[in-house]
């Protein structure tokens, strides 16, 4: 099911807006909806969400017309299918560097529920898929979005081949891991890092693939890369925004009351993809 036309927006290159959510609260979907978001990013790679919690979150956000995008730990057929079964519309697989990894993600999403030997046969010879089955699978998996995390130098060097895999819908650039892979840890304003991000965005958009980049820092970074062509705006996360605002408010209150503010700056890097 295409939640609120989200899949079509992705395919049309329309800008879509979202944030990373870690809080499992019944009040959160309605709150997020008030911000006018198109999607939420739910991360099961780094955030300890179990299957029941994930299903609870996915269905809660879908009920608000917000598409759940779920990152799994690896491009594994079982993990991808479990995410879709839980209600995910899109699935992100991290640190993809080869065409085979991209294909694994795509086939898990677009050929569900096929597995095993028959799946491998169809991967090797797509032309052997019977027309009736092809029609069924297209309908059964309608709206599913395959998203690759591009976040390493090997992926950057192999970018053209990765983007050429049929069925890939979108790319999330992982700035934290990419900067480390480039030997420029967290140097997000370094000319070489910016050159790499610009290249990924340009390559994606020229091949009709949606692309986004996620930061937990100031909104200006989102605006900057959107102006360079990124059409998936993944801004910050609930935990980062809460930490930043709480620290700012407490500092303001204590300063006005003449009390010393002892806490350090909130850690905004921990939630960068």
Protein backbone atom coordinates (compact mmCIF):
# COMPACT_ATOMS: atom_id res chain seq x y z
CA UNK A 1 0.00 0.00 0.00
CA UNK A 2 1.29 3.43 -0.99
CA UNK A 3 0.84 5.55 2.14
CA UNK A 4 -0.45 8.99 1.19
CA UNK A 5 1.11 8.71 -2.29
CA UNK A 6 4.61 8.47 -0.84
CA UNK A 7 5.90 5.94 -3.40
CA UNK A 8 4.68 8.08 -6.28
CA UNK A 9 6.32 11.15 -4.78
CA UNK A 10 9.61 9.24 -4.58
CA UNK A 11 9.34 8.10 -8.20
CA UNK A 12 8.42 11.59 -9.37
CA UNK A 13 11.38 13.18 -7.60
CA UNK A 14 9.07 15.26 -5.41
CA UNK A 15 10.70 16.50 -2.17
CA UNK A 16 9.62 14.48 0.87
CA UNK A 17 10.29 15.29 4.51
CA UNK A 18 10.92 13.08 7.53
CA UNK A 19 12.83 12.47 10.72
CA UNK A 20 14.30 9.55 12.64
CA UNK A 21 12.04 8.26 15.41
CA UNK A 22 13.22 6.09 18.31
CA UNK A 23 10.43 6.69 20.83
CA UNK A 24 7.79 3.97 21.07
CA UNK A 25 4.87 6.05 22.33
CA UNK A 26 1.19 6.04 21.27
CA UNK A 27 1.21 9.85 21.29
CA UNK A 28 4.18 10.22 18.95
CA UNK A 29 2.54 9.57 15.52
CA UNK A 30 -0.06 12.32 16.00
CA UNK A 31 2.65 14.68 17.25
CA UNK A 32 4.87 13.95 14.26
CA UNK A 33 1.91 14.37 11.92
CA UNK A 34 1.47 17.95 13.14
CA UNK A 35 4.95 18.70 11.78
CA UNK A 36 3.73 17.92 8.26
CA UNK A 37 6.07 14.99 7.65
CA UNK A 38 5.78 12.51 4.79
CA UNK A 39 7.73 9.68 6.43
CA UNK A 40 9.54 8.49 9.54
CA UNK A 41 12.85 6.65 9.57
CA UNK A 42 12.83 3.71 12.00
CA UNK A 43 16.25 2.20 12.57
CA UNK A 44 16.49 -1.42 13.72
CA UNK A 45 20.22 -1.57 12.93
CA UNK A 46 21.28 0.62 15.87
CA UNK A 47 18.08 1.14 17.86
CA UNK A 48 16.86 -1.81 20.00
CA UNK A 49 13.39 -2.22 18.48
CA UNK A 50 11.93 -5.72 18.49
CA UNK A 51 9.43 -7.01 15.90
CA UNK A 52 6.33 -6.25 17.95
CA UNK A 53 7.51 -2.71 18.72
CA UNK A 54 8.33 -2.15 15.07
CA UNK A 55 4.86 -3.31 13.97
CA UNK A 56 3.28 -1.04 16.59
CA UNK A 57 5.22 1.95 15.27
CA UNK A 58 4.66 1.20 11.57
CA UNK A 59 0.91 0.83 11.89
CA UNK A 60 0.65 3.87 14.14
CA UNK A 61 2.39 6.08 11.57
CA UNK A 62 0.53 4.59 8.61
CA UNK A 63 -2.73 5.43 10.39
CA UNK A 64 -1.58 9.08 10.36
CA UNK A 65 -0.74 8.92 6.63
CA UNK A 66 3.00 8.87 7.32
CA UNK A 67 5.12 6.28 5.51
CA UNK A 68 7.37 4.13 7.75
CA UNK A 69 10.86 3.62 6.33
CA UNK A 70 12.74 0.89 8.22
CA UNK A 71 16.46 0.16 8.23
CA UNK A 72 17.37 -3.46 8.78
CA UNK A 73 20.75 -4.81 9.85
CA UNK A 74 21.69 -6.25 6.45
CA UNK A 75 20.16 -6.92 3.03
CA UNK A 76 18.88 -10.29 4.19
CA UNK A 77 15.68 -11.68 2.69
CA UNK A 78 14.24 -12.69 6.06
CA UNK A 79 14.98 -9.36 7.76
CA UNK A 80 13.60 -7.36 4.83
CA UNK A 81 10.40 -9.43 4.69
CA UNK A 82 9.93 -9.14 8.45
CA UNK A 83 10.14 -5.35 8.17
CA UNK A 84 7.52 -5.30 5.39
CA UNK A 85 5.32 -7.71 7.35
CA UNK A 86 5.55 -5.28 10.28
CA UNK A 87 4.19 -2.50 8.08
CA UNK A 88 7.26 -0.85 6.54
CA UNK A 89 6.68 0.78 3.17
CA UNK A 90 10.36 1.26 2.48
CA UNK A 91 13.37 -0.74 3.62
CA UNK A 92 16.92 0.57 3.93
CA UNK A 93 19.90 -1.78 3.98
CA UNK A 94 23.18 -0.37 5.32
CA UNK A 95 26.67 -0.27 3.86
CA UNK A 96 25.86 -1.68 0.42
CA UNK A 97 28.89 -1.87 -1.85
CA UNK A 98 28.13 -4.47 -4.55
CA UNK A 99 25.47 -5.05 -7.17
CA UNK A 100 24.67 -8.40 -5.56
CA UNK A 101 23.85 -6.70 -2.24
CA UNK A 102 21.56 -4.21 -3.98
CA UNK A 103 19.87 -7.06 -5.86
CA UNK A 104 19.28 -8.94 -2.60
CA UNK A 105 17.45 -5.92 -1.20
CA UNK A 106 15.44 -5.35 -4.37
CA UNK A 107 14.38 -8.98 -4.81
CA UNK A 108 13.41 -9.32 -1.16
CA UNK A 109 11.08 -6.31 -1.57
CA UNK A 110 9.80 -6.78 -5.12
CA UNK A 111 9.61 -10.60 -5.34
CA UNK A 112 8.24 -11.27 -1.84
CA UNK A 113 7.25 -13.98 -0.79
CA UNK A 114 9.50 -15.95 -3.18
CA UNK A 115 12.66 -17.40 -1.60
CA UNK A 116 15.17 -20.18 -2.11
CA UNK A 117 16.08 -21.87 -5.38
CA UNK A 118 13.27 -20.33 -7.42
CA UNK A 119 14.23 -16.85 -6.29
CA UNK A 120 17.84 -17.49 -7.34
CA UNK A 121 16.65 -18.75 -10.71
CA UNK A 122 14.65 -15.60 -11.31
CA UNK A 123 17.55 -13.43 -10.17
CA UNK A 124 19.83 -15.14 -12.68
CA UNK A 125 17.23 -15.15 -15.47
CA UNK A 126 14.53 -12.51 -14.88
CA UNK A 127 13.03 -13.30 -18.27
CA UNK A 128 11.95 -16.73 -16.99
CA UNK A 129 9.39 -15.28 -14.55
CA UNK A 130 5.94 -16.29 -15.89
CA UNK A 131 3.74 -13.35 -16.87
CA UNK A 132 0.99 -14.33 -14.45
CA UNK A 133 3.44 -14.52 -11.55
CA UNK A 134 5.07 -11.24 -12.55
CA UNK A 135 1.68 -9.53 -12.50
CA UNK A 136 0.84 -11.04 -9.13
CA UNK A 137 4.16 -10.03 -7.54
CA UNK A 138 3.90 -6.48 -8.89
CA UNK A 139 0.49 -6.10 -7.25
CA UNK A 140 1.44 -7.92 -4.05
CA UNK A 141 4.49 -5.69 -3.53
CA UNK A 142 3.04 -2.49 -4.92
CA UNK A 143 4.44 0.57 -3.14
CA UNK A 144 7.45 -1.20 -1.60
CA UNK A 145 10.52 1.04 -1.74
CA UNK A 146 14.09 -0.29 -1.95
CA UNK A 147 16.61 2.13 -0.41
CA UNK A 148 20.38 1.62 -0.31
CA UNK A 149 22.70 3.21 2.24
CA UNK A 150 25.70 4.53 0.33
CA UNK A 151 28.28 5.22 3.01
CA UNK A 152 31.75 4.01 2.02
CA UNK A 153 34.55 4.65 -0.47
CA UNK A 154 34.05 1.25 -2.20
CA UNK A 155 30.38 2.13 -2.74
CA UNK A 156 31.38 5.54 -4.05
CA UNK A 157 33.85 3.97 -6.48
CA UNK A 158 31.23 1.47 -7.65
CA UNK A 159 28.37 3.96 -7.70
CA UNK A 160 27.39 3.75 -11.37
CA UNK A 161 27.04 -0.04 -11.21
CA UNK A 162 25.06 0.12 -7.96
CA UNK A 163 22.60 2.67 -9.32
CA UNK A 164 22.12 0.60 -12.47
CA UNK A 165 20.53 -2.29 -10.56
CA UNK A 166 16.93 -2.48 -11.71
CA UNK A 167 14.39 -1.89 -8.95
CA UNK A 168 16.48 0.37 -6.72
CA UNK A 169 14.24 3.30 -5.80
CA UNK A 170 16.32 5.52 -3.54
CA UNK A 171 19.62 6.13 -1.79
CA UNK A 172 20.30 7.37 1.73
CA UNK A 173 23.78 8.84 2.06
CA UNK A 174 25.33 7.93 5.41
CA UNK A 175 27.53 10.98 6.19
CA UNK A 176 29.04 9.63 9.38
CA UNK A 177 30.26 6.32 7.96
CA UNK A 178 31.17 7.90 4.62
CA UNK A 179 33.34 10.55 6.25
CA UNK A 180 35.14 7.88 8.28
CA UNK A 181 35.63 5.67 5.23
CA UNK A 182 37.16 8.66 3.44
CA UNK A 183 39.59 9.25 6.33
CA UNK A 184 37.78 12.50 7.19
CA UNK A 185 35.86 11.55 10.35
CA UNK A 186 32.94 13.95 10.91
CA UNK A 187 34.53 16.61 8.69
CA UNK A 188 31.23 17.34 6.96
CA UNK A 189 32.42 20.67 5.56
CA UNK A 190 35.64 19.27 4.07
CA UNK A 191 35.83 19.96 0.31
CA UNK A 192 36.50 16.31 -0.53
CA UNK A 193 33.55 15.13 1.54
CA UNK A 194 31.26 17.72 -0.05
CA UNK A 195 32.53 16.71 -3.47
CA UNK A 196 31.66 13.07 -2.77
CA UNK A 197 28.15 13.93 -1.53
CA UNK A 198 27.53 16.18 -4.53
CA UNK A 199 28.63 13.39 -6.86
CA UNK A 200 26.27 10.87 -5.25
CA UNK A 201 23.32 13.27 -5.39
CA UNK A 202 23.99 14.23 -9.01
CA UNK A 203 24.42 10.59 -10.07
CA UNK A 204 21.20 9.51 -8.34
CA UNK A 205 19.05 12.29 -9.74
CA UNK A 206 20.41 11.83 -13.27
CA UNK A 207 19.33 8.17 -13.19
CA UNK A 208 15.89 8.86 -11.72
CA UNK A 209 16.75 7.60 -8.24
CA UNK A 210 15.63 9.58 -5.19
CA UNK A 211 18.35 10.55 -2.72
CA UNK A 212 18.62 11.91 0.79
CA UNK A 213 21.18 12.62 3.47
CA UNK A 214 20.62 12.66 7.24
CA UNK A 215 22.12 14.98 9.83
CA UNK A 216 21.22 15.53 13.48
CA UNK A 217 22.64 19.02 13.46
CA UNK A 218 21.36 22.40 12.28
CA UNK A 219 18.59 22.56 9.63
CA UNK A 220 20.80 24.64 7.32
CA UNK A 221 22.63 21.47 6.28
CA UNK A 222 19.37 19.96 5.08
CA UNK A 223 18.58 23.08 3.08
CA UNK A 224 22.05 23.13 1.57
CA UNK A 225 21.92 19.58 0.23
CA UNK A 226 18.31 19.94 -0.90
CA UNK A 227 19.46 22.91 -2.96
CA UNK A 228 22.10 20.59 -4.45
CA UNK A 229 19.41 18.14 -5.53
CA UNK A 230 18.61 15.88 -2.56
CA UNK A 231 14.85 15.29 -2.58
CA UNK A 232 14.57 13.15 0.58
CA UNK A 233 15.05 15.42 3.58
CA UNK A 234 15.77 13.33 6.70
CA UNK A 235 16.16 15.86 9.49
CA UNK A 236 17.55 14.89 12.87
CA UNK A 237 15.78 12.54 15.30
CA UNK A 238 13.46 12.71 18.27
CA UNK A 239 16.26 12.03 20.76
CA UNK A 240 18.62 14.61 19.22
CA UNK A 241 15.95 17.30 18.99
CA UNK A 242 14.82 16.65 22.57
CA UNK A 243 18.40 16.77 23.86
CA UNK A 244 19.24 19.95 21.98
CA UNK A 245 16.09 21.80 23.03
CA UNK A 246 16.25 20.63 26.65
CA UNK A 247 19.89 21.70 27.01
CA UNK A 248 19.14 25.06 25.40
CA UNK A 249 16.10 25.74 27.59
CA UNK A 250 17.83 24.71 30.81
CA UNK A 251 20.83 26.88 30.01
CA UNK A 252 18.49 29.82 29.34
CA UNK A 253 16.55 29.30 32.59
CA UNK A 254 19.66 28.90 34.74
CA UNK A 255 21.35 31.95 33.21
CA UNK A 256 18.32 34.14 33.93
CA UNK A 257 18.18 32.84 37.50
CA UNK A 258 21.90 33.42 38.00
CA UNK A 259 22.78 29.75 38.35
CA UNK A 260 25.73 27.99 36.77
CA UNK A 261 24.97 25.74 33.83
CA UNK A 262 27.16 22.64 34.20
CA UNK A 263 25.99 20.26 31.45
CA UNK A 264 27.88 19.95 28.20
CA UNK A 265 26.48 20.17 24.71
CA UNK A 266 24.16 17.30 23.71
CA UNK A 267 25.66 14.55 21.58
CA UNK A 268 24.13 15.15 18.16
CA UNK A 269 26.46 12.84 16.24
CA UNK A 270 25.18 9.58 17.67
CA UNK A 271 22.09 9.54 15.46
CA UNK A 272 23.72 10.50 12.17
CA UNK A 273 23.15 7.71 9.65
